[in-house]
Amino acid sequence: MAYDEYLGERISAIFKTKSVQAVEKKMMGGLCFMVDDKMCIGIVKNELMARVGPEVYEECLSKSGCREMNFTGRAMKGYVFVDAEAVDMDEDLSYWIQLAIDFNPFAKSSKKKKKKIS
């Protein structure tokens, strides 16, 4: 198991409760939830990855269990990792998901690469 599947089930249930349509995509060895074709929430091993945006980024980092997202040796501002203990309760998980949903309309979607026809 590359990521916490139970956490994935919990995230799916919360999106349904909030009536937000999310598409699950396996990527980066984990699971990502896309909203409007934009990365919103993800799971890497047993940690939650949330795209919260730059406006609330610093505030999020001050919360227990939250740290900067750093894949490449460089922090990705606007993205955070939240450890498993900090999202153990559904209320806490829902809080992080709602932050990501709130930022989603302002997030830039990744540019899709056009296939080269030879």
N, C-alpha and C. Protein backbone atom coordinates (compact mmCIF):
# COMPACT_ATOMS: atom_id res chain seq x y z
N MET A 1 0.85 -1.19 0.00
CA MET A 1 0.00 0.00 0.00
C MET A 1 0.88 1.25 0.00
N ALA A 2 0.83 2.03 -1.06
CA ALA A 2 1.65 3.22 -1.19
C ALA A 2 1.06 4.41 -0.44
N TYR A 3 -0.24 4.36 -0.16
CA TYR A 3 -0.90 5.45 0.57
C TYR A 3 -1.99 4.86 1.44
N ASP A 4 -2.45 5.64 2.39
CA ASP A 4 -3.48 5.21 3.34
C ASP A 4 -4.84 5.17 2.63
N GLU A 5 -5.27 3.98 2.27
CA GLU A 5 -6.53 3.81 1.53
C GLU A 5 -7.75 4.20 2.37
N TYR A 6 -7.68 3.95 3.67
CA TYR A 6 -8.79 4.31 4.54
C TYR A 6 -8.95 5.83 4.57
N LEU A 7 -7.84 6.57 4.61
CA LEU A 7 -7.91 8.03 4.55
C LEU A 7 -8.56 8.46 3.23
N GLY A 8 -8.25 7.78 2.15
CA GLY A 8 -8.87 8.07 0.86
C GLY A 8 -10.38 7.89 0.90
N GLU A 9 -10.83 6.84 1.55
CA GLU A 9 -12.27 6.60 1.69
C GLU A 9 -12.94 7.71 2.52
N ARG A 10 -12.25 8.12 3.57
CA ARG A 10 -12.79 9.20 4.43
C ARG A 10 -12.88 10.51 3.64
N ILE A 11 -11.86 10.80 2.84
CA ILE A 11 -11.86 12.03 2.04
C ILE A 11 -13.01 11.98 1.03
N SER A 12 -13.17 10.86 0.35
CA SER A 12 -14.27 10.71 -0.62
C SER A 12 -15.62 10.96 0.03
N ALA A 13 -15.81 10.41 1.22
CA ALA A 13 -17.08 10.58 1.93
C ALA A 13 -17.33 12.04 2.29
N ILE A 14 -16.28 12.75 2.68
CA ILE A 14 -16.44 14.17 3.02
C ILE A 14 -16.77 15.00 1.79
N PHE A 15 -16.11 14.71 0.66
CA PHE A 15 -16.45 15.42 -0.57
C PHE A 15 -17.91 15.19 -0.92
N LYS A 16 -18.40 13.96 -0.76
CA LYS A 16 -19.81 13.67 -1.06
C LYS A 16 -20.73 14.43 -0.12
N THR A 17 -20.39 14.47 1.17
CA THR A 17 -21.19 15.19 2.15
C THR A 17 -21.27 16.67 1.80
N LYS A 18 -20.16 17.21 1.29
CA LYS A 18 -20.11 18.63 0.93
C LYS A 18 -20.65 18.88 -0.48
N SER A 19 -21.11 17.83 -1.16
CA SER A 19 -21.62 17.91 -2.53
C SER A 19 -20.61 18.54 -3.49
N VAL A 20 -19.34 18.14 -3.33
CA VAL A 20 -18.27 18.60 -4.21
C VAL A 20 -17.83 17.41 -5.04
N GLN A 21 -17.83 17.59 -6.35
CA GLN A 21 -17.42 16.51 -7.25
C GLN A 21 -15.90 16.51 -7.36
N ALA A 22 -15.30 15.41 -6.95
CA ALA A 22 -13.85 15.25 -7.01
C ALA A 22 -13.52 13.99 -7.79
N VAL A 23 -12.44 14.06 -8.55
CA VAL A 23 -11.98 12.93 -9.33
C VAL A 23 -10.69 12.42 -8.71
N GLU A 24 -10.63 11.13 -8.43
CA GLU A 24 -9.44 10.53 -7.84
C GLU A 24 -8.44 10.18 -8.94
N LYS A 25 -7.18 10.52 -8.70
CA LYS A 25 -6.10 10.18 -9.63
C LYS A 25 -4.92 9.68 -8.83
N LYS A 26 -4.39 8.55 -9.25
CA LYS A 26 -3.17 8.05 -8.61
C LYS A 26 -2.00 8.78 -9.24
N MET A 27 -1.18 9.40 -8.39
CA MET A 27 0.01 10.10 -8.88
C MET A 27 1.02 10.27 -7.76
N MET A 28 2.26 10.38 -8.14
CA MET A 28 3.37 10.59 -7.21
C MET A 28 3.40 9.53 -6.11
N GLY A 29 3.00 8.32 -6.43
CA GLY A 29 3.00 7.26 -5.44
C GLY A 29 1.88 7.37 -4.43
N GLY A 30 0.97 8.29 -4.66
CA GLY A 30 -0.14 8.49 -3.74
C GLY A 30 -1.44 8.64 -4.48
N LEU A 31 -2.37 9.32 -3.85
CA LEU A 31 -3.68 9.54 -4.43
C LEU A 31 -3.99 11.02 -4.36
N CYS A 32 -4.51 11.56 -5.45
CA CYS A 32 -4.85 12.97 -5.53
C CYS A 32 -6.33 13.11 -5.84
N PHE A 33 -6.96 14.09 -5.24
CA PHE A 33 -8.35 14.41 -5.51
C PHE A 33 -8.38 15.72 -6.28
N MET A 34 -8.87 15.64 -7.51
CA MET A 34 -8.94 16.80 -8.39
C MET A 34 -10.35 17.38 -8.35
N VAL A 35 -10.42 18.70 -8.22
CA VAL A 35 -11.69 19.41 -8.26
C VAL A 35 -11.57 20.43 -9.39
N ASP A 36 -12.47 20.38 -10.33
CA ASP A 36 -12.43 21.25 -11.52
C ASP A 36 -11.09 21.13 -12.25
N ASP A 37 -10.60 19.91 -12.38
CA ASP A 37 -9.32 19.62 -13.06
C ASP A 37 -8.11 20.26 -12.38
N LYS A 38 -8.24 20.56 -11.09
CA LYS A 38 -7.12 21.14 -10.35
C LYS A 38 -6.86 20.32 -9.09
N MET A 39 -5.57 20.14 -8.77
CA MET A 39 -5.20 19.39 -7.58
C MET A 39 -5.76 20.11 -6.35
N CYS A 40 -6.47 19.37 -5.51
CA CYS A 40 -7.11 19.96 -4.34
C CYS A 40 -6.55 19.35 -3.05
N ILE A 41 -6.68 18.04 -2.92
CA ILE A 41 -6.25 17.30 -1.73
C ILE A 41 -5.54 16.05 -2.23
N GLY A 42 -4.58 15.59 -1.45
CA GLY A 42 -3.91 14.35 -1.81
C GLY A 42 -3.47 13.57 -0.59
N ILE A 43 -3.03 12.36 -0.85
CA ILE A 43 -2.49 11.51 0.21
C ILE A 43 -1.13 11.02 -0.27
N VAL A 44 -0.13 11.22 0.57
CA VAL A 44 1.21 10.69 0.32
C VAL A 44 1.55 9.85 1.54
N LYS A 45 1.65 8.55 1.35
CA LYS A 45 1.81 7.57 2.43
C LYS A 45 0.63 7.70 3.38
N ASN A 46 0.86 8.21 4.59
CA ASN A 46 -0.27 8.37 5.52
C ASN A 46 -0.52 9.84 5.85
N GLU A 47 0.03 10.74 5.03
CA GLU A 47 -0.14 12.16 5.28
C GLU A 47 -1.09 12.78 4.27
N LEU A 48 -1.80 13.79 4.73
CA LEU A 48 -2.68 14.55 3.87
C LEU A 48 -1.88 15.67 3.23
N MET A 49 -2.08 15.88 1.95
CA MET A 49 -1.51 17.03 1.26
C MET A 49 -2.68 17.93 0.91
N ALA A 50 -2.61 19.19 1.30
CA ALA A 50 -3.70 20.12 1.03
C ALA A 50 -3.18 21.35 0.29
N ARG A 51 -3.90 21.73 -0.75
CA ARG A 51 -3.57 22.95 -1.50
C ARG A 51 -4.44 24.06 -0.92
N VAL A 52 -3.87 24.79 0.04
CA VAL A 52 -4.63 25.78 0.79
C VAL A 52 -4.49 27.20 0.27
N GLY A 53 -3.48 27.43 -0.57
CA GLY A 53 -3.26 28.76 -1.14
C GLY A 53 -2.35 29.61 -0.29
N PRO A 54 -1.77 30.64 -0.90
CA PRO A 54 -0.79 31.47 -0.21
C PRO A 54 -1.37 32.36 0.89
N GLU A 55 -2.66 32.69 0.81
CA GLU A 55 -3.24 33.60 1.80
C GLU A 55 -3.31 33.01 3.20
N VAL A 56 -3.58 31.71 3.31
CA VAL A 56 -3.71 31.08 4.63
C VAL A 56 -2.53 30.15 4.94
N TYR A 57 -1.55 30.12 4.06
CA TYR A 57 -0.40 29.22 4.18
C TYR A 57 0.31 29.36 5.53
N GLU A 58 0.72 30.56 5.88
CA GLU A 58 1.46 30.77 7.14
C GLU A 58 0.61 30.40 8.35
N GLU A 59 -0.66 30.75 8.33
CA GLU A 59 -1.57 30.41 9.43
C GLU A 59 -1.66 28.89 9.58
N CYS A 60 -1.73 28.19 8.46
CA CYS A 60 -1.81 26.73 8.48
C CYS A 60 -0.56 26.13 9.10
N LEU A 61 0.60 26.68 8.75
CA LEU A 61 1.86 26.13 9.27
C LEU A 61 1.95 26.25 10.79
N SER A 62 1.20 27.16 11.38
CA SER A 62 1.23 27.32 12.83
C SER A 62 0.36 26.28 13.54
N LYS A 63 -0.42 25.53 12.80
CA LYS A 63 -1.31 24.52 13.40
C LYS A 63 -0.54 23.22 13.66
N SER A 64 -0.92 22.57 14.73
CA SER A 64 -0.29 21.32 15.13
C SER A 64 -0.44 20.26 14.05
N GLY A 65 0.68 19.61 13.72
CA GLY A 65 0.66 18.53 12.75
C GLY A 65 0.82 18.98 11.31
N CYS A 66 0.93 20.27 11.07
CA CYS A 66 1.03 20.81 9.72
C CYS A 66 2.47 21.27 9.45
N ARG A 67 2.95 20.99 8.24
CA ARG A 67 4.28 21.45 7.84
C ARG A 67 4.28 21.77 6.36
N GLU A 68 5.32 22.47 5.93
CA GLU A 68 5.39 22.83 4.51
C GLU A 68 5.55 21.59 3.65
N MET A 69 5.01 21.67 2.47
CA MET A 69 5.16 20.57 1.51
C MET A 69 6.47 20.79 0.79
N ASN A 70 7.31 19.78 0.82
CA ASN A 70 8.65 19.91 0.26
C ASN A 70 9.01 18.59 -0.41
N PHE A 71 8.83 18.51 -1.71
CA PHE A 71 9.17 17.30 -2.46
C PHE A 71 10.58 17.35 -3.01
N THR A 72 10.98 18.51 -3.44
CA THR A 72 12.21 18.63 -4.23
C THR A 72 13.33 19.36 -3.51
N GLY A 73 13.19 19.59 -2.21
CA GLY A 73 14.18 20.36 -1.49
C GLY A 73 13.79 21.83 -1.43
N ARG A 74 12.67 22.15 -2.03
CA ARG A 74 12.17 23.52 -2.04
C ARG A 74 10.70 23.49 -1.63
N ALA A 75 10.34 24.35 -0.68
CA ALA A 75 8.95 24.39 -0.21
C ALA A 75 8.03 24.87 -1.32
N MET A 76 6.86 24.27 -1.38
CA MET A 76 5.85 24.68 -2.35
C MET A 76 4.82 25.52 -1.60
N LYS A 77 4.97 26.83 -1.70
CA LYS A 77 4.10 27.74 -0.96
C LYS A 77 2.65 27.54 -1.41
N GLY A 78 1.78 27.44 -0.43
CA GLY A 78 0.36 27.22 -0.71
C GLY A 78 -0.06 25.77 -0.57
N TYR A 79 0.93 24.88 -0.46
CA TYR A 79 0.67 23.45 -0.25
C TYR A 79 1.23 23.06 1.12
N VAL A 80 0.50 22.24 1.86
CA VAL A 80 0.97 21.77 3.16
C VAL A 80 0.76 20.26 3.30
N PHE A 81 1.57 19.68 4.16
CA PHE A 81 1.37 18.31 4.60
C PHE A 81 0.77 18.36 6.00
N VAL A 82 -0.18 17.49 6.26
CA VAL A 82 -0.79 17.38 7.58
C VAL A 82 -0.65 15.93 8.02
N ASP A 83 -0.03 15.73 9.19
CA ASP A 83 0.22 14.35 9.61
C ASP A 83 -1.05 13.63 10.03
N ALA A 84 -0.96 12.32 10.07
CA ALA A 84 -2.13 11.45 10.29
C ALA A 84 -2.85 11.76 11.60
N GLU A 85 -2.11 12.06 12.65
CA GLU A 85 -2.74 12.34 13.95
C GLU A 85 -3.58 13.61 13.90
N ALA A 86 -3.19 14.56 13.08
CA ALA A 86 -3.90 15.84 12.99
C ALA A 86 -5.19 15.74 12.18
N VAL A 87 -5.41 14.63 11.48
CA VAL A 87 -6.66 14.43 10.73
C VAL A 87 -7.36 13.14 11.16
N ASP A 88 -7.05 12.70 12.37
CA ASP A 88 -7.65 11.47 12.90
C ASP A 88 -9.16 11.62 13.09
N MET A 89 -9.58 12.80 13.49
CA MET A 89 -11.01 13.06 13.68
C MET A 89 -11.60 13.60 12.38
N ASP A 90 -12.81 13.15 12.03
CA ASP A 90 -13.45 13.60 10.79
C ASP A 90 -13.61 15.12 10.75
N GLU A 91 -13.87 15.73 11.89
CA GLU A 91 -14.02 17.19 11.96
C GLU A 91 -12.73 17.89 11.54
N ASP A 92 -11.59 17.36 11.96
CA ASP A 92 -10.30 17.94 11.60
C ASP A 92 -10.00 17.73 10.12
N LEU A 93 -10.27 16.54 9.63
CA LEU A 93 -10.06 16.25 8.21
C LEU A 93 -10.95 17.15 7.35
N SER A 94 -12.19 17.32 7.75
CA SER A 94 -13.12 18.17 7.03
C SER A 94 -12.63 19.62 6.99
N TYR A 95 -12.01 20.08 8.06
CA TYR A 95 -11.46 21.44 8.11
C TYR A 95 -10.43 21.65 7.00
N TRP A 96 -9.47 20.71 6.87
CA TRP A 96 -8.42 20.83 5.86
C TRP A 96 -8.98 20.72 4.46
N ILE A 97 -9.94 19.83 4.28
CA ILE A 97 -10.57 19.68 2.97
C ILE A 97 -11.30 20.96 2.59
N GLN A 98 -12.00 21.57 3.55
CA GLN A 98 -12.73 22.80 3.26
C GLN A 98 -11.77 23.93 2.89
N LEU A 99 -10.62 24.02 3.54
CA LEU A 99 -9.63 25.05 3.16
C LEU A 99 -9.22 24.87 1.70
N ALA A 100 -8.98 23.63 1.30
CA ALA A 100 -8.57 23.34 -0.07
C ALA A 100 -9.70 23.63 -1.06
N ILE A 101 -10.92 23.28 -0.69
CA ILE A 101 -12.07 23.57 -1.55
C ILE A 101 -12.25 25.08 -1.71
N ASP A 102 -12.08 25.82 -0.62
CA ASP A 102 -12.24 27.27 -0.67
C ASP A 102 -11.21 27.92 -1.60
N PHE A 103 -9.99 27.37 -1.63
CA PHE A 103 -8.95 27.93 -2.49
C PHE A 103 -9.10 27.50 -3.94
N ASN A 104 -9.73 26.37 -4.17
CA ASN A 104 -9.78 25.78 -5.51
C ASN A 104 -10.20 26.73 -6.64
N PRO A 105 -11.22 27.57 -6.46
CA PRO A 105 -11.60 28.47 -7.57
C PRO A 105 -10.48 29.44 -7.98
N PHE A 106 -9.54 29.71 -7.08
CA PHE A 106 -8.45 30.65 -7.35
C PHE A 106 -7.18 29.96 -7.83
N ALA A 107 -7.15 28.65 -7.72
CA ALA A 107 -5.96 27.88 -8.09
C ALA A 107 -5.83 27.81 -9.61
N LYS A 108 -4.58 27.81 -10.05
CA LYS A 108 -4.33 27.63 -11.48
C LYS A 108 -4.31 26.15 -11.78
N SER A 109 -4.91 25.79 -12.89
CA SER A 109 -4.86 24.38 -13.28
C SER A 109 -3.55 24.13 -13.99
N SER A 110 -3.06 22.91 -13.87
CA SER A 110 -1.81 22.59 -14.55
C SER A 110 -2.07 22.54 -16.05
N LYS A 111 -1.11 22.99 -16.78
CA LYS A 111 -1.25 23.01 -18.24
C LYS A 111 -1.09 21.60 -18.76
N LYS A 112 -2.03 21.19 -19.58
CA LYS A 112 -1.95 19.86 -20.17
C LYS A 112 -1.00 19.92 -21.35
N LYS A 113 -0.12 18.93 -21.41
CA LYS A 113 0.83 18.87 -22.50
C LYS A 113 0.14 18.38 -23.76
N LYS A 114 0.39 19.06 -24.83
CA LYS A 114 -0.19 18.63 -26.11
C LYS A 114 0.67 17.54 -26.68
N LYS A 115 0.00 16.54 -27.21
CA LYS A 115 0.73 15.41 -27.81
C LYS A 115 1.26 15.85 -29.17
N LYS A 116 2.51 15.52 -29.36
CA LYS A 116 3.17 15.83 -30.62
C LYS A 116 2.78 14.79 -31.65
N ILE A 117 2.35 15.24 -32.79
CA ILE A 117 1.99 14.33 -33.87
C ILE A 117 3.15 14.32 -34.86
N SER A 118 3.68 13.16 -35.09
CA SER A 118 4.82 13.09 -36.03
C SER A 118 4.46 12.47 -37.33
